[in-house]
Amino acid sequence: MTIHYEGDMPDTMEDLKQGVRMMRGADPKTWEAWAKFVDASLAPSALDRKTKELVALGMSITAQCKYCVGVHLQKCLDAGASEPEVIDVCHVAMAMGGGPAMTYISEVHKALELYREKQEQLA
């Protein structure tokens, strides 16, 4: 299920898409090399996809990257992560990133609330 974000998250994700289009168009060869590296890094190996996406979400929070939070929360959910697992990641990110990371939990909260609403609509 794709999350349709409300508030400023739709603008954030649209800005990201526009940036990606710009970079891909400006230098397709470099973009493809970077995309392959990211895909290979997140592919299952010693860690499964869900675990890697949970790590990426935690890093997104500590890096204070709204774009990354939106992308990796969706990928966590798509990979089968539960809400309690996402909350655990938020706790670890807050422990490692302190107050600044804690402020980005609001972005996770927005996405989780929307996900809950969509799940209730499907039930």
N, C-alpha and C. Protein backbone atom coordinates (compact mmCIF):
# COMPACT_ATOMS: atom_id res chain seq x y z
N MET A 1 0.84 -1.17 0.00
CA MET A 1 0.00 0.00 0.00
C MET A 1 0.89 1.23 0.00
N THR A 2 0.59 2.19 -0.84
CA THR A 2 1.32 3.44 -0.89
C THR A 2 0.66 4.42 0.06
N ILE A 3 1.45 5.09 0.86
CA ILE A 3 0.94 6.10 1.77
C ILE A 3 0.76 7.39 0.99
N HIS A 4 -0.37 8.01 1.14
CA HIS A 4 -0.61 9.32 0.55
C HIS A 4 -0.54 10.33 1.70
N TYR A 5 0.58 11.01 1.81
CA TYR A 5 0.85 11.88 2.93
C TYR A 5 0.00 13.13 2.88
N GLU A 6 -0.33 13.65 4.05
CA GLU A 6 -1.04 14.91 4.19
C GLU A 6 -0.09 15.93 4.77
N GLY A 7 -0.55 17.18 4.89
CA GLY A 7 0.29 18.23 5.42
C GLY A 7 1.38 18.58 4.44
N ASP A 8 2.58 18.83 4.94
CA ASP A 8 3.68 19.22 4.06
C ASP A 8 4.39 18.03 3.43
N MET A 9 4.07 16.80 3.85
CA MET A 9 4.76 15.63 3.31
C MET A 9 4.52 15.44 1.81
N PRO A 10 3.30 15.69 1.27
CA PRO A 10 3.17 15.54 -0.19
C PRO A 10 4.10 16.48 -0.94
N ASP A 11 4.23 17.72 -0.46
CA ASP A 11 5.14 18.66 -1.12
C ASP A 11 6.58 18.19 -1.01
N THR A 12 6.93 17.66 0.15
CA THR A 12 8.28 17.15 0.37
C THR A 12 8.59 16.04 -0.63
N MET A 13 7.65 15.09 -0.76
CA MET A 13 7.89 13.96 -1.66
C MET A 13 7.89 14.39 -3.12
N GLU A 14 7.06 15.36 -3.47
CA GLU A 14 7.06 15.88 -4.84
C GLU A 14 8.37 16.60 -5.14
N ASP A 15 8.87 17.38 -4.18
CA ASP A 15 10.16 18.05 -4.35
C ASP A 15 11.26 17.02 -4.60
N LEU A 16 11.22 15.92 -3.84
CA LEU A 16 12.21 14.86 -4.02
C LEU A 16 12.13 14.29 -5.43
N LYS A 17 10.91 14.00 -5.91
CA LYS A 17 10.75 13.46 -7.26
C LYS A 17 11.31 14.41 -8.31
N GLN A 18 11.07 15.70 -8.12
CA GLN A 18 11.58 16.68 -9.09
C GLN A 18 13.11 16.73 -9.06
N GLY A 19 13.68 16.65 -7.86
CA GLY A 19 15.14 16.63 -7.75
C GLY A 19 15.74 15.40 -8.42
N VAL A 20 15.09 14.26 -8.22
CA VAL A 20 15.56 13.02 -8.85
C VAL A 20 15.51 13.15 -10.37
N ARG A 21 14.40 13.67 -10.88
CA ARG A 21 14.29 13.85 -12.34
C ARG A 21 15.39 14.75 -12.87
N MET A 22 15.69 15.83 -12.14
CA MET A 22 16.74 16.75 -12.56
C MET A 22 18.09 16.03 -12.61
N MET A 23 18.42 15.31 -11.54
CA MET A 23 19.72 14.64 -11.48
C MET A 23 19.82 13.53 -12.53
N ARG A 24 18.76 12.76 -12.70
CA ARG A 24 18.76 11.68 -13.69
C ARG A 24 18.93 12.26 -15.09
N GLY A 25 18.25 13.38 -15.35
CA GLY A 25 18.33 14.00 -16.68
C GLY A 25 19.69 14.64 -16.94
N ALA A 26 20.29 15.20 -15.92
CA ALA A 26 21.57 15.90 -16.08
C ALA A 26 22.73 14.95 -16.34
N ASP A 27 22.68 13.78 -15.70
CA ASP A 27 23.80 12.85 -15.83
C ASP A 27 23.29 11.42 -15.59
N PRO A 28 22.62 10.84 -16.60
CA PRO A 28 22.02 9.53 -16.42
C PRO A 28 23.01 8.43 -16.00
N LYS A 29 24.22 8.48 -16.51
CA LYS A 29 25.20 7.44 -16.20
C LYS A 29 25.55 7.46 -14.71
N THR A 30 25.82 8.64 -14.17
CA THR A 30 26.14 8.76 -12.75
C THR A 30 24.93 8.39 -11.90
N TRP A 31 23.75 8.83 -12.30
CA TRP A 31 22.54 8.51 -11.55
C TRP A 31 22.32 6.99 -11.49
N GLU A 32 22.48 6.33 -12.61
CA GLU A 32 22.29 4.87 -12.64
C GLU A 32 23.30 4.16 -11.75
N ALA A 33 24.54 4.63 -11.76
CA ALA A 33 25.56 4.02 -10.91
C ALA A 33 25.19 4.20 -9.43
N TRP A 34 24.73 5.38 -9.07
CA TRP A 34 24.33 5.62 -7.68
C TRP A 34 23.12 4.76 -7.31
N ALA A 35 22.12 4.71 -8.20
CA ALA A 35 20.91 3.92 -7.93
C ALA A 35 21.25 2.43 -7.77
N LYS A 36 22.16 1.92 -8.59
CA LYS A 36 22.57 0.52 -8.46
C LYS A 36 23.27 0.27 -7.13
N PHE A 37 24.10 1.22 -6.70
CA PHE A 37 24.77 1.09 -5.41
C PHE A 37 23.75 1.05 -4.27
N VAL A 38 22.77 1.96 -4.31
CA VAL A 38 21.74 1.99 -3.27
C VAL A 38 20.95 0.68 -3.27
N ASP A 39 20.53 0.23 -4.44
CA ASP A 39 19.77 -1.02 -4.53
C ASP A 39 20.59 -2.20 -3.99
N ALA A 40 21.86 -2.26 -4.35
CA ALA A 40 22.71 -3.35 -3.87
C ALA A 40 22.91 -3.26 -2.36
N SER A 41 23.04 -2.06 -1.84
CA SER A 41 23.23 -1.87 -0.40
C SER A 41 22.02 -2.30 0.40
N LEU A 42 20.82 -2.10 -0.16
CA LEU A 42 19.59 -2.44 0.55
C LEU A 42 19.05 -3.83 0.22
N ALA A 43 19.73 -4.53 -0.67
CA ALA A 43 19.30 -5.89 -1.03
C ALA A 43 19.59 -6.84 0.13
N PRO A 44 18.75 -7.87 0.29
CA PRO A 44 19.00 -8.84 1.36
C PRO A 44 20.38 -9.49 1.22
N SER A 45 21.06 -9.60 2.33
CA SER A 45 22.34 -10.32 2.40
C SER A 45 22.44 -10.84 3.84
N ALA A 46 23.41 -10.39 4.59
CA ALA A 46 23.48 -10.81 6.00
C ALA A 46 22.27 -10.30 6.77
N LEU A 47 21.75 -9.15 6.37
CA LEU A 47 20.51 -8.59 6.93
C LEU A 47 19.41 -8.67 5.88
N ASP A 48 18.20 -8.94 6.32
CA ASP A 48 17.09 -8.98 5.37
C ASP A 48 16.66 -7.55 5.01
N ARG A 49 15.82 -7.44 4.00
CA ARG A 49 15.39 -6.14 3.49
C ARG A 49 14.70 -5.30 4.57
N LYS A 50 13.82 -5.92 5.35
CA LYS A 50 13.10 -5.19 6.39
C LYS A 50 14.07 -4.58 7.39
N THR A 51 15.05 -5.36 7.82
CA THR A 51 16.02 -4.87 8.80
C THR A 51 16.82 -3.71 8.22
N LYS A 52 17.24 -3.85 6.98
CA LYS A 52 18.00 -2.77 6.34
C LYS A 52 17.17 -1.51 6.21
N GLU A 53 15.90 -1.65 5.90
CA GLU A 53 15.03 -0.46 5.79
C GLU A 53 14.79 0.17 7.16
N LEU A 54 14.68 -0.66 8.20
CA LEU A 54 14.54 -0.10 9.55
C LEU A 54 15.80 0.67 9.94
N VAL A 55 16.97 0.15 9.59
CA VAL A 55 18.22 0.87 9.83
C VAL A 55 18.21 2.19 9.06
N ALA A 56 17.79 2.13 7.79
CA ALA A 56 17.75 3.35 6.96
C ALA A 56 16.78 4.37 7.56
N LEU A 57 15.65 3.92 8.10
CA LEU A 57 14.71 4.84 8.73
C LEU A 57 15.36 5.51 9.93
N GLY A 58 16.02 4.72 10.78
CA GLY A 58 16.69 5.30 11.94
C GLY A 58 17.75 6.32 11.54
N MET A 59 18.50 6.01 10.51
CA MET A 59 19.52 6.94 10.04
C MET A 59 18.88 8.19 9.44
N SER A 60 17.73 8.02 8.79
CA SER A 60 17.01 9.17 8.22
C SER A 60 16.58 10.13 9.31
N ILE A 61 16.13 9.56 10.43
CA ILE A 61 15.70 10.38 11.56
C ILE A 61 16.89 11.13 12.15
N THR A 62 18.00 10.43 12.40
CA THR A 62 19.16 11.10 13.00
C THR A 62 19.80 12.09 12.04
N ALA A 63 19.67 11.85 10.73
CA ALA A 63 20.20 12.78 9.74
C ALA A 63 19.25 13.96 9.51
N GLN A 64 18.05 13.88 10.12
CA GLN A 64 17.03 14.92 9.99
C GLN A 64 16.67 15.17 8.52
N CYS A 65 16.43 14.06 7.82
CA CYS A 65 16.10 14.13 6.40
C CYS A 65 14.63 13.75 6.19
N LYS A 66 13.79 14.76 6.02
CA LYS A 66 12.36 14.53 5.83
C LYS A 66 12.09 13.65 4.62
N TYR A 67 12.82 13.89 3.55
CA TYR A 67 12.65 13.10 2.34
C TYR A 67 12.93 11.63 2.62
N CYS A 68 14.04 11.39 3.32
CA CYS A 68 14.45 10.02 3.63
C CYS A 68 13.45 9.34 4.56
N VAL A 69 12.92 10.09 5.54
CA VAL A 69 11.92 9.52 6.44
C VAL A 69 10.72 9.05 5.63
N GLY A 70 10.23 9.89 4.72
CA GLY A 70 9.08 9.51 3.90
C GLY A 70 9.34 8.28 3.07
N VAL A 71 10.47 8.24 2.42
CA VAL A 71 10.82 7.11 1.55
C VAL A 71 11.02 5.83 2.36
N HIS A 72 11.82 5.91 3.41
CA HIS A 72 12.17 4.68 4.13
C HIS A 72 11.06 4.18 5.04
N LEU A 73 10.18 5.06 5.52
CA LEU A 73 9.04 4.55 6.27
C LEU A 73 8.17 3.71 5.36
N GLN A 74 7.90 4.21 4.16
CA GLN A 74 7.09 3.44 3.21
C GLN A 74 7.76 2.10 2.89
N LYS A 75 9.08 2.12 2.68
CA LYS A 75 9.80 0.88 2.36
C LYS A 75 9.80 -0.09 3.54
N CYS A 76 9.87 0.45 4.77
CA CYS A 76 9.78 -0.42 5.96
C CYS A 76 8.44 -1.13 5.98
N LEU A 77 7.38 -0.39 5.78
CA LEU A 77 6.04 -0.97 5.82
C LEU A 77 5.86 -1.97 4.68
N ASP A 78 6.35 -1.62 3.50
CA ASP A 78 6.26 -2.54 2.36
C ASP A 78 7.04 -3.84 2.61
N ALA A 79 8.11 -3.74 3.39
CA ALA A 79 8.93 -4.91 3.69
C ALA A 79 8.37 -5.72 4.87
N GLY A 80 7.25 -5.27 5.43
CA GLY A 80 6.60 -6.02 6.49
C GLY A 80 6.89 -5.56 7.90
N ALA A 81 7.49 -4.39 8.05
CA ALA A 81 7.76 -3.88 9.40
C ALA A 81 6.44 -3.55 10.09
N SER A 82 6.41 -3.83 11.38
CA SER A 82 5.22 -3.50 12.18
C SER A 82 5.39 -2.12 12.79
N GLU A 83 4.28 -1.57 13.25
CA GLU A 83 4.35 -0.28 13.93
C GLU A 83 5.24 -0.35 15.17
N PRO A 84 5.14 -1.40 16.01
CA PRO A 84 6.06 -1.47 17.16
C PRO A 84 7.53 -1.49 16.75
N GLU A 85 7.86 -2.12 15.62
CA GLU A 85 9.26 -2.11 15.14
C GLU A 85 9.67 -0.69 14.75
N VAL A 86 8.77 0.03 14.09
CA VAL A 86 9.06 1.42 13.71
C VAL A 86 9.27 2.27 14.96
N ILE A 87 8.43 2.08 15.97
CA ILE A 87 8.57 2.84 17.22
C ILE A 87 9.90 2.52 17.89
N ASP A 88 10.31 1.25 17.89
CA ASP A 88 11.62 0.88 18.44
C ASP A 88 12.74 1.62 17.72
N VAL A 89 12.65 1.68 16.40
CA VAL A 89 13.66 2.41 15.62
C VAL A 89 13.67 3.88 16.03
N CYS A 90 12.49 4.45 16.24
CA CYS A 90 12.42 5.85 16.67
C CYS A 90 13.13 6.04 18.01
N HIS A 91 12.93 5.11 18.93
CA HIS A 91 13.60 5.20 20.23
C HIS A 91 15.12 5.15 20.07
N VAL A 92 15.61 4.23 19.26
CA VAL A 92 17.06 4.12 19.06
C VAL A 92 17.59 5.39 18.40
N ALA A 93 16.87 5.90 17.41
CA ALA A 93 17.31 7.13 16.73
C ALA A 93 17.36 8.29 17.72
N MET A 94 16.36 8.37 18.60
CA MET A 94 16.36 9.43 19.61
C MET A 94 17.53 9.26 20.58
N ALA A 95 17.83 8.03 20.96
CA ALA A 95 18.94 7.78 21.88
C ALA A 95 20.27 8.19 21.24
N MET A 96 20.41 7.90 19.95
CA MET A 96 21.67 8.18 19.26
C MET A 96 21.76 9.63 18.77
N GLY A 97 20.60 10.22 18.42
CA GLY A 97 20.61 11.55 17.83
C GLY A 97 20.15 12.67 18.74
N GLY A 98 19.68 12.31 19.94
CA GLY A 98 19.27 13.33 20.91
C GLY A 98 18.04 14.11 20.49
N GLY A 99 17.93 15.31 21.04
CA GLY A 99 16.78 16.17 20.80
C GLY A 99 16.51 16.46 19.33
N PRO A 100 17.54 16.77 18.54
CA PRO A 100 17.28 17.04 17.14
C PRO A 100 16.63 15.85 16.41
N ALA A 101 17.06 14.64 16.73
CA ALA A 101 16.45 13.46 16.12
C ALA A 101 15.02 13.30 16.61
N MET A 102 14.78 13.62 17.89
CA MET A 102 13.44 13.49 18.44
C MET A 102 12.45 14.36 17.68
N THR A 103 12.88 15.52 17.21
CA THR A 103 11.94 16.39 16.50
C THR A 103 11.47 15.75 15.19
N TYR A 104 12.27 14.89 14.61
CA TYR A 104 11.89 14.25 13.35
C TYR A 104 10.96 13.06 13.54
N ILE A 105 10.70 12.68 14.78
CA ILE A 105 9.71 11.65 15.05
C ILE A 105 8.34 12.14 14.58
N SER A 106 8.15 13.46 14.54
CA SER A 106 6.88 14.01 14.06
C SER A 106 6.60 13.59 12.62
N GLU A 107 7.63 13.47 11.82
CA GLU A 107 7.45 13.03 10.43
C GLU A 107 7.02 11.57 10.39
N VAL A 108 7.60 10.75 11.25
CA VAL A 108 7.19 9.34 11.33
C VAL A 108 5.75 9.26 11.81
N HIS A 109 5.41 10.09 12.81
CA HIS A 109 4.05 10.09 13.34
C HIS A 109 3.03 10.41 12.25
N LYS A 110 3.29 11.43 11.46
CA LYS A 110 2.37 11.81 10.37
C LYS A 110 2.13 10.62 9.44
N ALA A 111 3.20 9.98 9.05
CA ALA A 111 3.08 8.86 8.11
C ALA A 111 2.37 7.67 8.74
N LEU A 112 2.65 7.39 10.00
CA LEU A 112 1.99 6.27 10.67
C LEU A 112 0.50 6.52 10.85
N GLU A 113 0.13 7.74 11.19
CA GLU A 113 -1.29 8.07 11.34
C GLU A 113 -2.03 7.85 10.02
N LEU A 114 -1.42 8.28 8.95
CA LEU A 114 -2.03 8.10 7.64
C LEU A 114 -2.13 6.63 7.28
N TYR A 115 -1.08 5.87 7.59
CA TYR A 115 -1.08 4.44 7.32
C TYR A 115 -2.20 3.75 8.10
N ARG A 116 -2.37 4.12 9.37
CA ARG A 116 -3.45 3.55 10.18
C ARG A 116 -4.81 3.83 9.56
N GLU A 117 -5.01 5.07 9.12
CA GLU A 117 -6.28 5.44 8.49
C GLU A 117 -6.54 4.60 7.25
N LYS A 118 -5.53 4.42 6.43
CA LYS A 118 -5.69 3.61 5.21
C LYS A 118 -6.00 2.16 5.55
N GLN A 119 -5.34 1.62 6.59
CA GLN A 119 -5.60 0.24 7.01
C GLN A 119 -7.04 0.09 7.50
N GLU A 120 -7.54 1.09 8.25
CA GLU A 120 -8.91 1.03 8.74
C GLU A 120 -9.91 1.09 7.59
N GLN A 121 -9.61 1.87 6.57
CA GLN A 121 -10.49 1.97 5.41
C GLN A 121 -10.55 0.65 4.65
N LEU A 122 -9.46 -0.09 4.63
CA LEU A 122 -9.42 -1.37 3.93
C LEU A 122 -10.09 -2.49 4.72
N ALA A 123 -10.20 -2.31 6.05
CA ALA A 123 -10.78 -3.37 6.91
C ALA A 123 -12.27 -3.46 6.75
